[in-house]
């Protein structure tokens, strides 16, 4: 199993925080998003959505999206302690807070970083 990540991005940080909390060690590859590496081979063929992070399973299956990666790892390998809840009510509340975090915090933060920090502009991905 191998995690392809860009650890400076909010979604990459989310997966890294989950791994640390669960004490999971994964083989990882840092993808250079600033140079558009996710649009080049072999990543383009592996992940047609060109999004980071993504997880490659031992059988070649690709799982994208940070929450989906975390859910897979918890349910398949590391159920204790459960970070996604033990009951339908707990899972629904955790999903609710995950969505609020994404929509109200991470999305605006990502836009601010991408559009206001010259570091991202030099790479050609900024808006100014």
C-alpha atoms as a PDB file:
ATOM      1  CA  UNK A   1       0.000   0.000   0.000  1.00  0.00           C
ATOM      2  CA  UNK A   2       1.321   3.466  -0.871  1.00  0.00           C
ATOM      3  CA  UNK A   3       0.058   6.985  -0.169  1.00  0.00           C
ATOM      4  CA  UNK A   4       0.663   9.668  -2.787  1.00  0.00           C
ATOM      5  CA  UNK A   5       0.456  13.035  -1.082  1.00  0.00           C
ATOM      6  CA  UNK A   6       1.281  16.730  -1.111  1.00  0.00           C
ATOM      7  CA  UNK A   7       1.739  17.370   2.579  1.00  0.00           C
ATOM      8  CA  UNK A   8       1.351  21.164   2.340  1.00  0.00           C
ATOM      9  CA  UNK A   9      -2.232  20.930   1.090  1.00  0.00           C
ATOM     10  CA  UNK A  10      -5.166  20.849   3.533  1.00  0.00           C
ATOM     11  CA  UNK A  11      -6.360  17.409   2.367  1.00  0.00           C
ATOM     12  CA  UNK A  12      -2.854  16.008   2.588  1.00  0.00           C
ATOM     13  CA  UNK A  13      -2.544  17.386   6.101  1.00  0.00           C
ATOM     14  CA  UNK A  14      -5.854  15.780   7.035  1.00  0.00           C
ATOM     15  CA  UNK A  15      -4.595  12.332   6.008  1.00  0.00           C
ATOM     16  CA  UNK A  16      -1.254  12.853   7.759  1.00  0.00           C
ATOM     17  CA  UNK A  17      -3.029  13.898  10.975  1.00  0.00           C
ATOM     18  CA  UNK A  18      -5.234  10.797  10.771  1.00  0.00           C
ATOM     19  CA  UNK A  19      -2.215   8.537  10.233  1.00  0.00           C
ATOM     20  CA  UNK A  20      -0.453  10.088  13.195  1.00  0.00           C
ATOM     21  CA  UNK A  21      -3.505   9.779  15.456  1.00  0.00           C
ATOM     22  CA  UNK A  22      -3.983   6.126  14.504  1.00  0.00           C
ATOM     23  CA  UNK A  23      -0.219   5.420  14.651  1.00  0.00           C
ATOM     24  CA  UNK A  24      -0.269   4.099  11.074  1.00  0.00           C
ATOM     25  CA  UNK A  25       2.939   4.033   9.095  1.00  0.00           C
ATOM     26  CA  UNK A  26       2.539   3.963   5.310  1.00  0.00           C
ATOM     27  CA  UNK A  27       4.951   3.994   2.432  1.00  0.00           C
ATOM     28  CA  UNK A  28       4.471   7.493   0.981  1.00  0.00           C
ATOM     29  CA  UNK A  29       5.471   9.439  -2.095  1.00  0.00           C
ATOM     30  CA  UNK A  30       5.418  13.231  -2.023  1.00  0.00           C
ATOM     31  CA  UNK A  31       3.927  14.462  -5.320  1.00  0.00           C
ATOM     32  CA  UNK A  32       5.250  17.843  -6.477  1.00  0.00           C
ATOM     33  CA  UNK A  33       1.932  19.581  -7.111  1.00  0.00           C
ATOM     34  CA  UNK A  34       3.667  22.937  -7.653  1.00  0.00           C
ATOM     35  CA  UNK A  35       5.238  21.496 -10.814  1.00  0.00           C
ATOM     36  CA  UNK A  36       2.017  19.743 -11.878  1.00  0.00           C
ATOM     37  CA  UNK A  37       3.489  16.285 -11.309  1.00  0.00           C
ATOM     38  CA  UNK A  38      -0.009  14.868 -10.668  1.00  0.00           C
ATOM     39  CA  UNK A  39      -0.817  15.523 -14.363  1.00  0.00           C
ATOM     40  CA  UNK A  40       2.190  13.507 -15.571  1.00  0.00           C
ATOM     41  CA  UNK A  41       2.786   9.788 -15.849  1.00  0.00           C
ATOM     42  CA  UNK A  42       2.574   7.502 -13.987  1.00  0.00           C
ATOM     43  CA  UNK A  43       0.220   9.544 -11.777  1.00  0.00           C
ATOM     44  CA  UNK A  44      -2.105  10.534 -14.617  1.00  0.00           C
ATOM     45  CA  UNK A  45      -2.824   6.875 -15.448  1.00  0.00           C
ATOM     46  CA  UNK A  46      -3.130   5.882 -11.801  1.00  0.00           C
ATOM     47  CA  UNK A  47      -5.552   8.649 -10.823  1.00  0.00           C
ATOM     48  CA  UNK A  48      -7.686  10.078 -13.621  1.00  0.00           C
ATOM     49  CA  UNK A  49      -9.050  12.769 -11.293  1.00  0.00           C
ATOM     50  CA  UNK A  50      -5.482  14.108 -10.849  1.00  0.00           C
ATOM     51  CA  UNK A  51      -6.240  14.843  -7.210  1.00  0.00           C
ATOM     52  CA  UNK A  52      -3.927  14.490  -4.258  1.00  0.00           C
ATOM     53  CA  UNK A  53      -3.863  12.607  -1.920  1.00  0.00           C
ATOM     54  CA  UNK A  54      -4.607   9.149  -3.250  1.00  0.00           C
ATOM     55  CA  UNK A  55      -3.942   5.696  -1.882  1.00  0.00           C
ATOM     56  CA  UNK A  56      -2.765   2.768  -3.991  1.00  0.00           C
ATOM     57  CA  UNK A  57      -3.696  -0.607  -2.494  1.00  0.00           C
ATOM     58  CA  UNK A  58      -1.562  -3.703  -2.939  1.00  0.00           C
ATOM     59  CA  UNK A  59      -3.968  -5.021  -5.607  1.00  0.00           C
ATOM     60  CA  UNK A  60      -3.636  -1.768  -7.633  1.00  0.00           C
ATOM     61  CA  UNK A  61      -6.953  -0.254  -6.534  1.00  0.00           C
ATOM     62  CA  UNK A  62      -6.787   3.540  -6.198  1.00  0.00           C
ATOM     63  CA  UNK A  63      -8.742   5.373  -3.497  1.00  0.00           C
ATOM     64  CA  UNK A  64      -8.961   9.147  -3.795  1.00  0.00           C
ATOM     65  CA  UNK A  65     -10.364  11.783  -1.442  1.00  0.00           C
ATOM     66  CA  UNK A  66      -8.892  12.292   2.003  1.00  0.00           C
ATOM     67  CA  UNK A  67     -11.912  11.198   4.051  1.00  0.00           C
ATOM     68  CA  UNK A  68     -12.364   8.062   1.933  1.00  0.00           C
ATOM     69  CA  UNK A  69      -8.704   7.166   2.441  1.00  0.00           C
ATOM     70  CA  UNK A  70      -9.042   7.591   6.199  1.00  0.00           C
ATOM     71  CA  UNK A  71     -12.287   5.604   6.341  1.00  0.00           C
ATOM     72  CA  UNK A  72     -10.749   2.750   4.365  1.00  0.00           C
ATOM     73  CA  UNK A  73      -7.696   2.560   6.619  1.00  0.00           C
ATOM     74  CA  UNK A  74      -9.801   2.644   9.769  1.00  0.00           C
ATOM     75  CA  UNK A  75     -12.309   0.033   8.663  1.00  0.00           C
ATOM     76  CA  UNK A  76      -9.858  -2.325   6.998  1.00  0.00           C
ATOM     77  CA  UNK A  77      -6.857  -2.202   9.285  1.00  0.00           C
ATOM     78  CA  UNK A  78      -7.094   0.005  12.356  1.00  0.00           C
ATOM     79  CA  UNK A  79     -10.586   0.035  13.872  1.00  0.00           C
ATOM     80  CA  UNK A  80      -9.480   0.902  17.413  1.00  0.00           C
ATOM     81  CA  UNK A  81      -9.854   3.548  18.591  1.00  0.00           C
ATOM     82  CA  UNK A  82     -12.682   4.344  16.158  1.00  0.00           C
ATOM     83  CA  UNK A  83     -12.261   7.893  14.852  1.00  0.00           C
ATOM     84  CA  UNK A  84     -15.390   7.684  12.689  1.00  0.00           C
ATOM     85  CA  UNK A  85     -17.752   6.617  15.479  1.00  0.00           C
ATOM     86  CA  UNK A  86     -19.333   3.431  16.810  1.00  0.00           C
ATOM     87  CA  UNK A  87     -22.999   4.062  16.020  1.00  0.00           C
ATOM     88  CA  UNK A  88     -25.080   5.564  13.209  1.00  0.00           C
ATOM     89  CA  UNK A  89     -25.594   8.721  15.319  1.00  0.00           C
ATOM     90  CA  UNK A  90     -21.860   9.133  16.025  1.00  0.00           C
ATOM     91  CA  UNK A  91     -20.939   8.491  12.366  1.00  0.00           C
ATOM     92  CA  UNK A  92     -23.529  11.036  11.190  1.00  0.00           C
ATOM     93  CA  UNK A  93     -22.240  13.666  13.613  1.00  0.00           C
ATOM     94  CA  UNK A  94     -18.634  13.051  12.563  1.00  0.00           C
ATOM     95  CA  UNK A  95     -19.629  13.293   8.881  1.00  0.00           C
ATOM     96  CA  UNK A  96     -21.466  16.528   9.637  1.00  0.00           C
ATOM     97  CA  UNK A  97     -18.393  18.089  11.266  1.00  0.00           C
ATOM     98  CA  UNK A  98     -16.131  16.818   8.487  1.00  0.00           C
ATOM     99  CA  UNK A  99     -18.309  18.547   5.884  1.00  0.00           C
ATOM    100  CA  UNK A 100     -18.458  21.757   7.909  1.00  0.00           C
ATOM    101  CA  UNK A 101     -14.682  21.691   8.248  1.00  0.00           C
ATOM    102  CA  UNK A 102     -14.288  21.208   4.493  1.00  0.00           C
ATOM    103  CA  UNK A 103     -16.841  23.779   3.366  1.00  0.00           C
ATOM    104  CA  UNK A 104     -16.404  26.463   6.022  1.00  0.00           C
ATOM    105  CA  UNK A 105     -12.674  26.201   6.784  1.00  0.00           C
ATOM    106  CA  UNK A 106     -10.553  24.227   4.360  1.00  0.00           C
ATOM    107  CA  UNK A 107     -12.066  25.462   1.097  1.00  0.00           C
ATOM    108  CA  UNK A 108     -11.691  29.171   1.975  1.00  0.00           C
ATOM    109  CA  UNK A 109      -8.200  28.503   3.336  1.00  0.00           C
ATOM    110  CA  UNK A 110      -7.202  26.736   0.130  1.00  0.00           C
ATOM    111  CA  UNK A 111      -8.492  29.636  -1.985  1.00  0.00           C
ATOM    112  CA  UNK A 112      -6.670  32.157   0.182  1.00  0.00           C
ATOM    113  CA  UNK A 113      -3.394  30.274  -0.061  1.00  0.00           C
ATOM    114  CA  UNK A 114      -3.668  29.678  -3.781  1.00  0.00           C
ATOM    115  CA  UNK A 115      -4.642  33.250  -4.594  1.00  0.00           C
ATOM    116  CA  UNK A 116      -2.620  35.337  -2.160  1.00  0.00           C
ATOM    117  CA  UNK A 117       0.726  33.666  -1.528  1.00  0.00           C
ATOM    118  CA  UNK A 118       3.386  34.362  -4.120  1.00  0.00           C
ATOM    119  CA  UNK A 119       4.836  30.870  -3.628  1.00  0.00           C
ATOM    120  CA  UNK A 120       1.851  29.424  -5.508  1.00  0.00           C
ATOM    121  CA  UNK A 121       1.875  32.161  -8.140  1.00  0.00           C
ATOM    122  CA  UNK A 122       5.456  31.323  -9.164  1.00  0.00           C
ATOM    123  CA  UNK A 123       4.379  27.788  -9.938  1.00  0.00           C
ATOM    124  CA  UNK A 124       1.766  29.021 -12.394  1.00  0.00           C
ATOM    125  CA  UNK A 125      -1.207  27.882 -10.320  1.00  0.00           C
ATOM    126  CA  UNK A 126      -2.072  31.243  -8.717  1.00  0.00           C
ATOM    127  CA  UNK A 127      -4.744  33.616  -9.947  1.00  0.00           C
ATOM    128  CA  UNK A 128      -2.637  36.774 -10.070  1.00  0.00           C
END
